PDB file of N, CA and C in Angstrom:
ATOM      1  N   MET A   1     -10.108  -8.021 -18.533  1.00  0.00           N
ATOM      2  CA  MET A   1      -8.997  -7.642 -17.660  1.00  0.00           C
ATOM      3  C   MET A   1      -8.838  -6.126 -17.678  1.00  0.00           C
ATOM      4  N   TYR A   2      -8.794  -5.555 -16.512  1.00  0.00           N
ATOM      5  CA  TYR A   2      -8.630  -4.114 -16.374  1.00  0.00           C
ATOM      6  C   TYR A   2      -7.158  -3.759 -16.331  1.00  0.00           C
ATOM      7  N   GLU A   3      -6.859  -2.542 -16.753  1.00  0.00           N
ATOM      8  CA  GLU A   3      -5.505  -2.060 -16.584  1.00  0.00           C
ATOM      9  C   GLU A   3      -5.335  -1.634 -15.131  1.00  0.00           C
ATOM     10  N   MET A   4      -4.219  -2.016 -14.531  1.00  0.00           N
ATOM     11  CA  MET A   4      -3.991  -1.672 -13.133  1.00  0.00           C
ATOM     12  C   MET A   4      -3.532  -0.221 -13.006  1.00  0.00           C
ATOM     13  N   LYS A   5      -4.146   0.491 -12.049  1.00  0.00           N
ATOM     14  CA  LYS A   5      -3.709   1.854 -11.778  1.00  0.00           C
ATOM     15  C   LYS A   5      -2.415   1.805 -10.977  1.00  0.00           C
ATOM     16  N   GLU A   6      -1.519   2.748 -11.284  1.00  0.00           N
ATOM     17  CA  GLU A   6      -0.239   2.809 -10.601  1.00  0.00           C
ATOM     18  C   GLU A   6       0.055   4.235 -10.156  1.00  0.00           C
ATOM     19  N   ILE A   7       0.884   4.335  -9.130  1.00  0.00           N
ATOM     20  CA  ILE A   7       1.345   5.620  -8.619  1.00  0.00           C
ATOM     21  C   ILE A   7       2.805   5.438  -8.227  1.00  0.00           C
ATOM     22  N   THR A   8       3.602   6.479  -8.388  1.00  0.00           N
ATOM     23  CA  THR A   8       5.005   6.370  -7.985  1.00  0.00           C
ATOM     24  C   THR A   8       5.147   6.693  -6.499  1.00  0.00           C
ATOM     25  N   ALA A   9       6.254   6.252  -5.926  1.00  0.00           N
ATOM     26  CA  ALA A   9       6.547   6.557  -4.524  1.00  0.00           C
ATOM     27  C   ALA A   9       6.648   8.070  -4.334  1.00  0.00           C
ATOM     28  N   GLU A  10       7.206   8.757  -5.317  1.00  0.00           N
ATOM     29  CA  GLU A  10       7.339  10.215  -5.245  1.00  0.00           C
ATOM     30  C   GLU A  10       5.959  10.886  -5.208  1.00  0.00           C
ATOM     31  N   GLU A  11       5.018  10.379  -6.004  1.00  0.00           N
ATOM     32  CA  GLU A  11       3.659  10.945  -6.004  1.00  0.00           C
ATOM     33  C   GLU A  11       2.967  10.711  -4.663  1.00  0.00           C
ATOM     34  N   VAL A  12       3.169   9.542  -4.074  1.00  0.00           N
ATOM     35  CA  VAL A  12       2.596   9.256  -2.757  1.00  0.00           C
ATOM     36  C   VAL A  12       3.173  10.216  -1.728  1.00  0.00           C
ATOM     37  N   GLN A  13       4.480  10.385  -1.747  1.00  0.00           N
ATOM     38  CA  GLN A  13       5.132  11.291  -0.805  1.00  0.00           C
ATOM     39  C   GLN A  13       4.583  12.708  -0.960  1.00  0.00           C
ATOM     40  N   ARG A  14       4.425  13.172  -2.189  1.00  0.00           N
ATOM     41  CA  ARG A  14       3.904  14.515  -2.441  1.00  0.00           C
ATOM     42  C   ARG A  14       2.474  14.666  -1.910  1.00  0.00           C
ATOM     43  N   LYS A  15       1.634  13.656  -2.127  1.00  0.00           N
ATOM     44  CA  LYS A  15       0.255  13.703  -1.626  1.00  0.00           C
ATOM     45  C   LYS A  15       0.245  13.804  -0.094  1.00  0.00           C
ATOM     46  N   LEU A  16       1.095  13.029   0.562  1.00  0.00           N
ATOM     47  CA  LEU A  16       1.162  13.061   2.025  1.00  0.00           C
ATOM     48  C   LEU A  16       1.671  14.418   2.512  1.00  0.00           C
ATOM     49  N   GLU A  17       2.689  14.951   1.856  1.00  0.00           N
ATOM     50  CA  GLU A  17       3.230  16.256   2.249  1.00  0.00           C
ATOM     51  C   GLU A  17       2.207  17.375   2.042  1.00  0.00           C
ATOM     52  N   ASN A  18       1.314  17.193   1.073  1.00  0.00           N
ATOM     53  CA  ASN A  18       0.256  18.178   0.818  1.00  0.00           C
ATOM     54  C   ASN A  18      -0.952  17.975   1.716  1.00  0.00           C
ATOM     55  N   GLY A  19      -0.879  16.989   2.607  1.00  0.00           N
ATOM     56  CA  GLY A  19      -1.957  16.753   3.560  1.00  0.00           C
ATOM     57  C   GLY A  19      -3.158  16.034   2.984  1.00  0.00           C
ATOM     58  N   GLU A  20      -2.997  15.413   1.832  1.00  0.00           N
ATOM     59  CA  GLU A  20      -4.119  14.679   1.243  1.00  0.00           C
ATOM     60  C   GLU A  20      -4.434  13.445   2.082  1.00  0.00           C
ATOM     61  N   ASN A  21      -5.720  13.150   2.189  1.00  0.00           N
ATOM     62  CA  ASN A  21      -6.174  11.991   2.944  1.00  0.00           C
ATOM     63  C   ASN A  21      -6.237  10.800   1.992  1.00  0.00           C
ATOM     64  N   ILE A  22      -5.173  10.001   1.973  1.00  0.00           N
ATOM     65  CA  ILE A  22      -5.125   8.851   1.094  1.00  0.00           C
ATOM     66  C   ILE A  22      -5.051   7.577   1.918  1.00  0.00           C
ATOM     67  N   GLU A  23      -5.605   6.520   1.372  1.00  0.00           N
ATOM     68  CA  GLU A  23      -5.624   5.223   2.045  1.00  0.00           C
ATOM     69  C   GLU A  23      -4.428   4.421   1.573  1.00  0.00           C
ATOM     70  N   LEU A  24      -3.547   4.054   2.512  1.00  0.00           N
ATOM     71  CA  LEU A  24      -2.335   3.292   2.208  1.00  0.00           C
ATOM     72  C   LEU A  24      -2.332   1.991   2.995  1.00  0.00           C
ATOM     73  N   ILE A  25      -2.021   0.900   2.308  1.00  0.00           N
ATOM     74  CA  ILE A  25      -1.885  -0.385   2.991  1.00  0.00           C
ATOM     75  C   ILE A  25      -0.561  -1.013   2.586  1.00  0.00           C
ATOM     76  N   ASP A  26       0.249  -1.324   3.591  1.00  0.00           N
ATOM     77  CA  ASP A  26       1.555  -1.946   3.403  1.00  0.00           C
ATOM     78  C   ASP A  26       1.370  -3.444   3.566  1.00  0.00           C
ATOM     79  N   VAL A  27       1.701  -4.215   2.517  1.00  0.00           N
ATOM     80  CA  VAL A  27       1.456  -5.655   2.532  1.00  0.00           C
ATOM     81  C   VAL A  27       2.719  -6.477   2.827  1.00  0.00           C
ATOM     82  N   ARG A  28       3.788  -5.814   3.278  1.00  0.00           N
ATOM     83  CA  ARG A  28       5.030  -6.527   3.564  1.00  0.00           C
ATOM     84  C   ARG A  28       4.906  -7.353   4.841  1.00  0.00           C
ATOM     85  N   GLU A  29       5.912  -8.162   5.076  1.00  0.00           N
ATOM     86  CA  GLU A  29       5.951  -9.011   6.269  1.00  0.00           C
ATOM     87  C   GLU A  29       6.313  -8.178   7.504  1.00  0.00           C
ATOM     88  N   ASP A  30       6.074  -8.742   8.682  1.00  0.00           N
ATOM     89  CA  ASP A  30       6.288  -8.029   9.943  1.00  0.00           C
ATOM     90  C   ASP A  30       7.705  -7.475  10.085  1.00  0.00           C
ATOM     91  N   ASP A  31       8.711  -8.285   9.770  1.00  0.00           N
ATOM     92  CA  ASP A  31      10.091  -7.822   9.931  1.00  0.00           C
ATOM     93  C   ASP A  31      10.407  -6.674   8.974  1.00  0.00           C
ATOM     94  N   GLU A  32       9.784  -6.660   7.812  1.00  0.00           N
ATOM     95  CA  GLU A  32      10.026  -5.587   6.850  1.00  0.00           C
ATOM     96  C   GLU A  32       9.437  -4.260   7.336  1.00  0.00           C
ATOM     97  N   VAL A  33       8.220  -4.284   7.875  1.00  0.00           N
ATOM     98  CA  VAL A  33       7.619  -3.036   8.352  1.00  0.00           C
ATOM     99  C   VAL A  33       8.285  -2.558   9.637  1.00  0.00           C
ATOM    100  N   GLU A  34       8.873  -3.474  10.387  1.00  0.00           N
ATOM    101  CA  GLU A  34       9.590  -3.050  11.595  1.00  0.00           C
ATOM    102  C   GLU A  34      10.824  -2.250  11.221  1.00  0.00           C
ATOM    103  N   ALA A  35      11.364  -2.491  10.035  1.00  0.00           N
ATOM    104  CA  ALA A  35      12.518  -1.727   9.555  1.00  0.00           C
ATOM    105  C   ALA A  35      12.109  -0.324   9.116  1.00  0.00           C
ATOM    106  N   GLY A  36      10.818  -0.099   8.918  1.00  0.00           N
ATOM    107  CA  GLY A  36      10.320   1.225   8.571  1.00  0.00           C
ATOM    108  C   GLY A  36       9.179   1.171   7.586  1.00  0.00           C
ATOM    109  N   MET A  37       8.096   1.872   7.926  1.00  0.00           N
ATOM    110  CA  MET A  37       6.950   1.971   7.038  1.00  0.00           C
ATOM    111  C   MET A  37       6.431   3.401   7.041  1.00  0.00           C
ATOM    112  N   ILE A  38       5.621   3.740   6.075  1.00  0.00           N
ATOM    113  CA  ILE A  38       5.026   5.071   6.007  1.00  0.00           C
ATOM    114  C   ILE A  38       4.063   5.199   7.183  1.00  0.00           C
ATOM    115  N   PRO A  39       4.226   6.223   8.030  1.00  0.00           N
ATOM    116  CA  PRO A  39       3.408   6.326   9.241  1.00  0.00           C
ATOM    117  C   PRO A  39       1.894   6.331   8.985  1.00  0.00           C
ATOM    118  N   GLN A  40       1.455   6.859   7.863  1.00  0.00           N
ATOM    119  CA  GLN A  40       0.022   6.937   7.563  1.00  0.00           C
ATOM    120  C   GLN A  40      -0.549   5.619   7.045  1.00  0.00           C
ATOM    121  N   ALA A  41       0.307   4.631   6.787  1.00  0.00           N
ATOM    122  CA  ALA A  41      -0.141   3.355   6.219  1.00  0.00           C
ATOM    123  C   ALA A  41      -0.646   2.410   7.295  1.00  0.00           C
ATOM    124  N   ARG A  42      -1.556   1.541   6.893  1.00  0.00           N
ATOM    125  CA  ARG A  42      -1.969   0.419   7.732  1.00  0.00           C
ATOM    126  C   ARG A  42      -1.183  -0.799   7.268  1.00  0.00           C
ATOM    127  N   HIS A  43      -0.887  -1.698   8.178  1.00  0.00           N
ATOM    128  CA  HIS A  43      -0.144  -2.908   7.830  1.00  0.00           C
ATOM    129  C   HIS A  43      -1.093  -4.099   7.803  1.00  0.00           C
ATOM    130  N   ILE A  44      -1.247  -4.688   6.626  1.00  0.00           N
ATOM    131  CA  ILE A  44      -1.966  -5.962   6.471  1.00  0.00           C
ATOM    132  C   ILE A  44      -1.084  -6.827   5.580  1.00  0.00           C
ATOM    133  N   ARG A  45      -0.502  -7.870   6.147  1.00  0.00           N
ATOM    134  CA  ARG A  45       0.381  -8.731   5.359  1.00  0.00           C
ATOM    135  C   ARG A  45      -0.347  -9.298   4.139  1.00  0.00           C
ATOM    136  N   MET A  46       0.391  -9.475   3.057  1.00  0.00           N
ATOM    137  CA  MET A  46      -0.185  -9.953   1.806  1.00  0.00           C
ATOM    138  C   MET A  46      -1.027 -11.216   2.021  1.00  0.00           C
ATOM    139  N   ASN A  47      -0.500 -12.163   2.765  1.00  0.00           N
ATOM    140  CA  ASN A  47      -1.223 -13.424   2.967  1.00  0.00           C
ATOM    141  C   ASN A  47      -2.477 -13.269   3.807  1.00  0.00           C
ATOM    142  N   ASP A  48      -2.617 -12.139   4.509  1.00  0.00           N
ATOM    143  CA  ASP A  48      -3.794 -11.897   5.336  1.00  0.00           C
ATOM    144  C   ASP A  48      -4.900 -11.146   4.590  1.00  0.00           C
ATOM    145  N   ILE A  49      -4.601 -10.652   3.405  1.00  0.00           N
ATOM    146  CA  ILE A  49      -5.590  -9.850   2.659  1.00  0.00           C
ATOM    147  C   ILE A  49      -6.914 -10.594   2.455  1.00  0.00           C
ATOM    148  N   PRO A  50      -6.906 -11.870   2.011  1.00  0.00           N
ATOM    149  CA  PRO A  50      -8.202 -12.536   1.785  1.00  0.00           C
ATOM    150  C   PRO A  50      -9.103 -12.576   3.021  1.00  0.00           C
ATOM    151  N   GLU A  51      -8.506 -12.692   4.214  1.00  0.00           N
ATOM    152  CA  GLU A  51      -9.302 -12.723   5.450  1.00  0.00           C
ATOM    153  C   GLU A  51      -9.660 -11.317   5.933  1.00  0.00           C
ATOM    154  N   GLN A  52      -9.043 -10.291   5.360  1.00  0.00           N
ATOM    155  CA  GLN A  52      -9.236  -8.918   5.817  1.00  0.00           C
ATOM    156  C   GLN A  52     -10.086  -8.072   4.850  1.00  0.00           C
ATOM    157  N   LEU A  53     -10.795  -8.714   3.934  1.00  0.00           N
ATOM    158  CA  LEU A  53     -11.572  -7.959   2.941  1.00  0.00           C
ATOM    159  C   LEU A  53     -12.568  -7.004   3.598  1.00  0.00           C
ATOM    160  N   ASP A  54     -13.127  -7.399   4.741  1.00  0.00           N
ATOM    161  CA  ASP A  54     -14.092  -6.532   5.434  1.00  0.00           C
ATOM    162  C   ASP A  54     -13.442  -5.250   5.948  1.00  0.00           C
ATOM    163  N   ALA A  55     -12.133  -5.257   6.121  1.00  0.00           N
ATOM    164  CA  ALA A  55     -11.416  -4.080   6.629  1.00  0.00           C
ATOM    165  C   ALA A  55     -11.124  -3.089   5.506  1.00  0.00           C
ATOM    166  N   LEU A  56     -11.422  -3.461   4.268  1.00  0.00           N
ATOM    167  CA  LEU A  56     -11.134  -2.608   3.115  1.00  0.00           C
ATOM    168  C   LEU A  56     -12.421  -2.001   2.571  1.00  0.00           C
ATOM    169  N   ASP A  57     -12.360  -0.729   2.229  1.00  0.00           N
ATOM    170  CA  ASP A  57     -13.503  -0.035   1.627  1.00  0.00           C
ATOM    171  C   ASP A  57     -13.453  -0.257   0.126  1.00  0.00           C
ATOM    172  N   LYS A  58     -14.415  -1.005  -0.378  1.00  0.00           N
ATOM    173  CA  LYS A  58     -14.430  -1.386  -1.784  1.00  0.00           C
ATOM    174  C   LYS A  58     -14.485  -0.173  -2.713  1.00  0.00           C
ATOM    175  N   ASP A  59     -15.113   0.903  -2.245  1.00  0.00           N
ATOM    176  CA  ASP A  59     -15.336   2.071  -3.104  1.00  0.00           C
ATOM    177  C   ASP A  59     -14.314   3.187  -2.916  1.00  0.00           C
ATOM    178  N   LYS A  60     -13.419   3.054  -1.938  1.00  0.00           N
ATOM    179  CA  LYS A  60     -12.411   4.086  -1.721  1.00  0.00           C
ATOM    180  C   LYS A  60     -11.097   3.647  -2.349  1.00  0.00           C
ATOM    181  N   GLU A  61     -10.512   4.532  -3.140  1.00  0.00           N
ATOM    182  CA  GLU A  61      -9.234   4.217  -3.764  1.00  0.00           C
ATOM    183  C   GLU A  61      -8.194   3.934  -2.687  1.00  0.00           C
ATOM    184  N   THR A  62      -7.554   2.781  -2.792  1.00  0.00           N
ATOM    185  CA  THR A  62      -6.569   2.355  -1.807  1.00  0.00           C
ATOM    186  C   THR A  62      -5.259   2.052  -2.518  1.00  0.00           C
ATOM    187  N   ILE A  63      -4.185   2.613  -1.979  1.00  0.00           N
ATOM    188  CA  ILE A  63      -2.849   2.416  -2.538  1.00  0.00           C
ATOM    189  C   ILE A  63      -2.156   1.304  -1.751  1.00  0.00           C
ATOM    190  N   PHE A  64      -1.627   0.311  -2.484  1.00  0.00           N
ATOM    191  CA  PHE A  64      -0.952  -0.817  -1.857  1.00  0.00           C
ATOM    192  C   PHE A  64       0.553  -0.708  -2.066  1.00  0.00           C
ATOM    193  N   ILE A  65       1.287  -1.068  -1.009  1.00  0.00           N
ATOM    194  CA  ILE A  65       2.735  -0.872  -0.942  1.00  0.00           C
ATOM    195  C   ILE A  65       3.410  -2.172  -0.524  1.00  0.00           C
ATOM    196  N   CYS A  66       4.572  -2.445  -1.136  1.00  0.00           N
ATOM    197  CA  CYS A  66       5.436  -3.524  -0.654  1.00  0.00           C
ATOM    198  C   CYS A  66       6.886  -3.053  -0.805  1.00  0.00           C
ATOM    199  N   ARG A  67       7.810  -3.960  -0.834  1.00  0.00           N
ATOM    200  CA  ARG A  67       9.221  -3.575  -0.910  1.00  0.00           C
ATOM    201  C   ARG A  67       9.568  -2.964  -2.263  1.00  0.00           C
ATOM    202  N   SER A  68       9.158  -3.643  -3.350  1.00  0.00           N
ATOM    203  CA  SER A  68       9.562  -3.176  -4.682  1.00  0.00           C
ATOM    204  C   SER A  68       8.407  -2.974  -5.653  1.00  0.00           C
ATOM    205  N   GLY A  69       7.199  -3.348  -5.270  1.00  0.00           N
ATOM    206  CA  GLY A  69       6.034  -3.173  -6.133  1.00  0.00           C
ATOM    207  C   GLY A  69       5.471  -4.460  -6.702  1.00  0.00           C
ATOM    208  N   GLY A  70       6.159  -5.577  -6.511  1.00  0.00           N
ATOM    209  CA  GLY A  70       5.694  -6.853  -7.058  1.00  0.00           C
ATOM    210  C   GLY A  70       4.566  -7.480  -6.268  1.00  0.00           C
ATOM    211  N   ARG A  71       4.750  -7.623  -4.963  1.00  0.00           N
ATOM    212  CA  ARG A  71       3.693  -8.221  -4.133  1.00  0.00           C
ATOM    213  C   ARG A  71       2.456  -7.336  -4.105  1.00  0.00           C
ATOM    214  N   SER A  72       2.664  -6.024  -4.024  1.00  0.00           N
ATOM    215  CA  SER A  72       1.508  -5.124  -4.011  1.00  0.00           C
ATOM    216  C   SER A  72       0.761  -5.190  -5.341  1.00  0.00           C
ATOM    217  N   ALA A  73       1.471  -5.414  -6.448  1.00  0.00           N
ATOM    218  CA  ALA A  73       0.803  -5.583  -7.746  1.00  0.00           C
ATOM    219  C   ALA A  73      -0.068  -6.840  -7.735  1.00  0.00           C
ATOM    220  N   ASN A  74       0.437  -7.913  -7.119  1.00  0.00           N
ATOM    221  CA  ASN A  74      -0.360  -9.138  -7.007  1.00  0.00           C
ATOM    222  C   ASN A  74      -1.604  -8.916  -6.164  1.00  0.00           C
ATOM    223  N   VAL A  75      -1.462  -8.198  -5.053  1.00  0.00           N
ATOM    224  CA  VAL A  75      -2.608  -7.885  -4.204  1.00  0.00           C
ATOM    225  C   VAL A  75      -3.614  -7.036  -4.979  1.00  0.00           C
ATOM    226  N   CYS A  76      -3.115  -6.049  -5.707  1.00  0.00           N
ATOM    227  CA  CYS A  76      -3.998  -5.191  -6.498  1.00  0.00           C
ATOM    228  C   CYS A  76      -4.771  -6.000  -7.535  1.00  0.00           C
ATOM    229  N   ALA A  77      -4.090  -6.912  -8.224  1.00  0.00           N
ATOM    230  CA  ALA A  77      -4.774  -7.740  -9.234  1.00  0.00           C
ATOM    231  C   ALA A  77      -5.871  -8.584  -8.584  1.00  0.00           C
ATOM    232  N   TYR A  78      -5.570  -9.165  -7.438  1.00  0.00           N
ATOM    233  CA  TYR A  78      -6.538  -9.984  -6.705  1.00  0.00           C
ATOM    234  C   TYR A  78      -7.760  -9.152  -6.309  1.00  0.00           C
ATOM    235  N   LEU A  79      -7.510  -7.980  -5.722  1.00  0.00           N
ATOM    236  CA  LEU A  79      -8.612  -7.140  -5.248  1.00  0.00           C
ATOM    237  C   LEU A  79      -9.381  -6.503  -6.404  1.00  0.00           C
ATOM    238  N   GLN A  80      -8.674  -6.144  -7.445  1.00  0.00           N
ATOM    239  CA  GLN A  80      -9.329  -5.552  -8.609  1.00  0.00           C
ATOM    240  C   GLN A  80     -10.335  -6.547  -9.200  1.00  0.00           C
ATOM    241  N   ASP A  81      -9.966  -7.815  -9.237  1.00  0.00           N
ATOM    242  CA  ASP A  81     -10.878  -8.859  -9.723  1.00  0.00           C
ATOM    243  C   ASP A  81     -12.119  -8.970  -8.853  1.00  0.00           C
ATOM    244  N   LYS A  82     -12.008  -8.545  -7.596  1.00  0.00           N
ATOM    245  CA  LYS A  82     -13.138  -8.589  -6.672  1.00  0.00           C
ATOM    246  C   LYS A  82     -13.907  -7.260  -6.628  1.00  0.00           C
ATOM    247  N   GLY A  83     -13.508  -6.317  -7.483  1.00  0.00           N
ATOM    248  CA  GLY A  83     -14.252  -5.066  -7.590  1.00  0.00           C
ATOM    249  C   GLY A  83     -13.753  -3.924  -6.729  1.00  0.00           C
ATOM    250  N   TYR A  84     -12.565  -4.042  -6.156  1.00  0.00           N
ATOM    251  CA  TYR A  84     -12.004  -2.975  -5.319  1.00  0.00           C
ATOM    252  C   TYR A  84     -11.298  -1.938  -6.180  1.00  0.00           C
ATOM    253  N   ASP A  85     -11.294  -0.689  -5.692  1.00  0.00           N
ATOM    254  CA  ASP A  85     -10.609   0.420  -6.361  1.00  0.00           C
ATOM    255  C   ASP A  85      -9.194   0.495  -5.799  1.00  0.00           C
ATOM    256  N   VAL A  86      -8.233  -0.052  -6.525  1.00  0.00           N
ATOM    257  CA  VAL A  86      -6.875  -0.214  -6.009  1.00  0.00           C
ATOM    258  C   VAL A  86      -5.840   0.446  -6.909  1.00  0.00           C
ATOM    259  N   VAL A  87      -4.714   0.830  -6.278  1.00  0.00           N
ATOM    260  CA  VAL A  87      -3.591   1.440  -6.985  1.00  0.00           C
ATOM    261  C   VAL A  87      -2.313   0.806  -6.443  1.00  0.00           C
ATOM    262  N   ASN A  88      -1.405   0.445  -7.332  1.00  0.00           N
ATOM    263  CA  ASN A  88      -0.126  -0.124  -6.927  1.00  0.00           C
ATOM    264  C   ASN A  88       0.938   0.969  -6.871  1.00  0.00           C
ATOM    265  N   MET A  89       1.681   1.040  -5.757  1.00  0.00           N
ATOM    266  CA  MET A  89       2.806   1.964  -5.666  1.00  0.00           C
ATOM    267  C   MET A  89       4.013   1.281  -6.294  1.00  0.00           C
ATOM    268  N   VAL A  90       4.313   1.658  -7.538  1.00  0.00           N
ATOM    269  CA  VAL A  90       5.430   1.050  -8.267  1.00  0.00           C
ATOM    270  C   VAL A  90       6.754   1.471  -7.614  1.00  0.00           C
ATOM    271  N   GLY A  91       7.687   0.539  -7.593  1.00  0.00           N
ATOM    272  CA  GLY A  91       8.982   0.810  -6.973  1.00  0.00           C
ATOM    273  C   GLY A  91       8.999   0.555  -5.483  1.00  0.00           C
ATOM    274  N   GLY A  92       7.813   0.518  -4.876  1.00  0.00           N
ATOM    275  CA  GLY A  92       7.676   0.186  -3.466  1.00  0.00           C
ATOM    276  C   GLY A  92       8.509   1.053  -2.534  1.00  0.00           C
ATOM    277  N   MET A  93       8.788   0.490  -1.374  1.00  0.00           N
ATOM    278  CA  MET A  93       9.528   1.219  -0.345  1.00  0.00           C
ATOM    279  C   MET A  93      10.986   1.450  -0.747  1.00  0.00           C
ATOM    280  N   LEU A  94      11.485   0.685  -1.701  1.00  0.00           N
ATOM    281  CA  LEU A  94      12.843   0.937  -2.189  1.00  0.00           C
ATOM    282  C   LEU A  94      12.945   2.324  -2.810  1.00  0.00           C
ATOM    283  N   ASP A  95      11.852   2.799  -3.411  1.00  0.00           N
ATOM    284  CA  ASP A  95      11.846   4.111  -4.065  1.00  0.00           C
ATOM    285  C   ASP A  95      11.322   5.233  -3.167  1.00  0.00           C
ATOM    286  N   TYR A  96      10.739   4.892  -2.019  1.00  0.00           N
ATOM    287  CA  TYR A  96      10.119   5.911  -1.162  1.00  0.00           C
ATOM    288  C   TYR A  96      11.184   6.640  -0.351  1.00  0.00           C
ATOM    289  N   LYS A  97      11.210   7.958  -0.450  1.00  0.00           N
ATOM    290  CA  LYS A  97      12.224   8.765   0.235  1.00  0.00           C
ATOM    291  C   LYS A  97      11.654   9.588   1.394  1.00  0.00           C
ATOM    292  N   GLY A  98      10.356   9.457   1.660  1.00  0.00           N
ATOM    293  CA  GLY A  98       9.730  10.234   2.723  1.00  0.00           C
ATOM    294  C   GLY A  98       9.983   9.627   4.098  1.00  0.00           C
ATOM    295  N   LYS A  99       9.312  10.198   5.102  1.00  0.00           N
ATOM    296  CA  LYS A  99       9.474   9.736   6.482  1.00  0.00           C
ATOM    297  C   LYS A  99       8.934   8.329   6.646  1.00  0.00           C
ATOM    298  N   THR A 100       9.662   7.540   7.411  1.00  0.00           N
ATOM    299  CA  THR A 100       9.189   6.209   7.802  1.00  0.00           C
ATOM    300  C   THR A 100       9.445   6.023   9.278  1.00  0.00           C
ATOM    301  N   LYS A 101       8.718   5.086   9.869  1.00  0.00           N
ATOM    302  CA  LYS A 101       8.916   4.724  11.270  1.00  0.00           C
ATOM    303  C   LYS A 101       8.757   3.230  11.389  1.00  0.00           C
ATOM    304  N   PRO A 102       9.447   2.621  12.362  1.00  0.00           N
ATOM    305  CA  PRO A 102       9.191   1.217  12.642  1.00  0.00           C
ATOM    306  C   PRO A 102       7.741   1.049  13.093  1.00  0.00           C
ATOM    307  N   LYS A 103       7.111  -0.034  12.714  1.00  0.00           N
ATOM    308  CA  LYS A 103       5.716  -0.258  13.078  1.00  0.00           C
ATOM    309  C   LYS A 103       5.509  -0.152  14.593  1.00  0.00           C
ATOM    310  N   SER A 104       6.486  -0.598  15.365  1.00  0.00           N
ATOM    311  CA  SER A 104       6.344  -0.576  16.822  1.00  0.00           C
ATOM    312  C   SER A 104       6.263   0.839  17.380  1.00  0.00           C
ATOM    313  N   GLU A 105       6.658   1.848  16.609  1.00  0.00           N
ATOM    314  CA  GLU A 105       6.592   3.244  17.066  1.00  0.00           C
ATOM    315  C   GLU A 105       5.336   3.967  16.599  1.00  0.00           C
ATOM    316  N   LEU A 106       4.496   3.282  15.837  1.00  0.00           N
ATOM    317  CA  LEU A 106       3.279   3.927  15.312  1.00  0.00           C
ATOM    318  C   LEU A 106       2.125   3.791  16.260  1.00  0.00           C
TER     319      LEU A 106
END
């Protein structure tokens, strides 16, 4: 069992503000992302991850996001077991203070 890599919402915000090219995937449900998501993130619902493995770069570090960090931790554990380079954003969107937009505006 590997130790899961984690990043705080504040660290993600700082990376985005510094113009870093980071891969973000929001695994929340449709109604949750409509309330606001990080504009640079892609939305793939947690339950859709197994069917969307081809859309993920196994070798590129990818940060997973949910409301509080629990669902994204589950996704990270699942993908890590399959050999993906994943990071969980602890605290999730509850802790994120940066810009967000409804998915319909992205």
